[in-house]
Protein backbone atom coordinates (compact mmCIF):
# COMPACT_ATOMS: atom_id res chain seq x y z
CA UNK A 1 -23.09 37.73 -38.37
CA UNK A 2 -26.35 37.12 -36.43
CA UNK A 3 -26.90 37.92 -32.98
CA UNK A 4 -25.42 34.50 -31.61
CA UNK A 5 -22.24 34.67 -33.14
CA UNK A 6 -21.69 38.56 -31.75
CA UNK A 7 -22.26 37.60 -28.74
CA UNK A 8 -19.70 34.00 -29.15
CA UNK A 9 -17.31 36.72 -31.13
CA UNK A 10 -17.97 39.11 -28.10
CA UNK A 11 -17.39 36.77 -25.16
CA UNK A 12 -14.22 35.04 -26.89
CA UNK A 13 -12.77 38.65 -27.08
CA UNK A 14 -13.41 39.82 -23.90
CA UNK A 15 -12.63 36.70 -21.44
CA UNK A 16 -16.56 36.69 -20.74
CA UNK A 17 -18.76 33.66 -20.72
CA UNK A 18 -21.54 33.35 -23.11
CA UNK A 19 -24.22 33.68 -20.67
CA UNK A 20 -23.16 37.06 -18.95
CA UNK A 21 -22.33 38.56 -22.58
CA UNK A 22 -25.58 38.21 -23.48
CA UNK A 23 -27.15 40.06 -20.89
CA UNK A 24 -24.87 42.90 -21.68
CA UNK A 25 -25.69 42.89 -25.31
CA UNK A 26 -29.05 42.74 -24.72
CA UNK A 27 -29.00 45.30 -22.14
CA UNK A 28 -26.99 48.02 -24.60
CA UNK A 29 -29.61 47.17 -26.71
CA UNK A 30 -32.60 48.19 -24.56
CA UNK A 31 -30.80 50.88 -23.82
CA UNK A 32 -30.42 52.00 -27.16
CA UNK A 33 -33.81 51.47 -27.96
CA UNK A 34 -35.43 53.58 -24.95
CA UNK A 35 -32.88 55.70 -25.69
CA UNK A 36 -34.74 56.58 -29.15
CA UNK A 37 -37.98 56.10 -27.71
CA UNK A 38 -37.75 58.94 -25.62
CA UNK A 39 -36.16 61.42 -28.56
CA UNK A 40 -32.93 61.14 -27.29
CA UNK A 41 -29.74 60.61 -30.02
CA UNK A 42 -26.90 57.96 -29.03
CA UNK A 43 -23.43 58.67 -29.81
CA UNK A 44 -20.84 55.57 -29.49
CA UNK A 45 -17.36 57.29 -30.08
CA UNK A 46 -15.52 55.50 -32.49
CA UNK A 47 -18.54 53.76 -34.11
CA UNK A 48 -21.48 56.03 -35.07
CA UNK A 49 -24.52 57.79 -33.61
CA UNK A 50 -28.50 56.48 -33.34
CA UNK A 51 -31.16 59.23 -33.65
CA UNK A 52 -35.14 59.31 -35.23
CA UNK A 53 -36.60 61.22 -37.58
CA UNK A 54 -39.22 62.02 -38.91
CA UNK A 55 -40.84 60.89 -42.23
CA UNK A 56 -43.45 63.22 -43.22
CA UNK A 57 -46.75 61.76 -44.86
CA UNK A 58 -46.84 61.51 -48.26
CA UNK A 59 -48.97 59.57 -51.13
CA UNK A 60 -47.94 56.42 -52.88
CA UNK A 61 -49.77 54.13 -55.31
CA UNK A 62 -50.63 50.12 -55.14
CA UNK A 63 -48.82 48.73 -57.65
CA UNK A 64 -51.43 46.31 -58.69
CA UNK A 65 -54.34 49.05 -59.22
CA UNK A 66 -52.78 52.27 -59.83
CA UNK A 67 -54.61 53.55 -56.99
CA UNK A 68 -53.23 56.74 -54.79
CA UNK A 69 -52.93 55.56 -50.82
CA UNK A 70 -51.99 57.94 -48.03
CA UNK A 71 -48.38 56.90 -46.22
CA UNK A 72 -48.65 58.79 -42.35
CA UNK A 73 -46.24 60.01 -41.26
CA UNK A 74 -43.86 57.89 -38.81
CA UNK A 75 -40.60 57.97 -36.72
CA UNK A 76 -37.94 56.00 -37.75
CA UNK A 77 -34.38 55.00 -36.29
CA UNK A 78 -31.38 55.82 -38.43
CA UNK A 79 -27.47 55.48 -37.64
CA UNK A 80 -24.73 57.27 -38.91
CA UNK A 81 -21.90 55.54 -39.23
CA UNK A 82 -18.38 57.71 -37.09
CA UNK A 83 -15.73 58.48 -40.11
CA UNK A 84 -13.29 56.10 -37.84
CA UNK A 85 -15.70 53.38 -38.90
CA UNK A 86 -16.25 54.12 -42.10
CA UNK A 87 -12.34 54.64 -42.64
CA UNK A 88 -12.11 51.10 -41.35
CA UNK A 89 -14.39 49.28 -43.57
CA UNK A 90 -13.03 51.24 -46.78
CA UNK A 91 -9.78 49.65 -45.80
């Protein structure tokens, strides 16, 4: 399912127009993104939680030349599914 299909499914389920649904979904994604940028954890009950983790700097290898390269530390977004979501998917 891509974003357009998600918008259509939510619009049909909620009885809203696709245009209004698209605005709501975009606003939700923007709110989650801004919270993660500021270092906050976002928890959606029954779905899961979004947070950022810091990856340590490490040494990698170029597979073609076998030369060692330094990979810098970085922050990455992470998602952890809730128990309810895991149980529903497992059925």
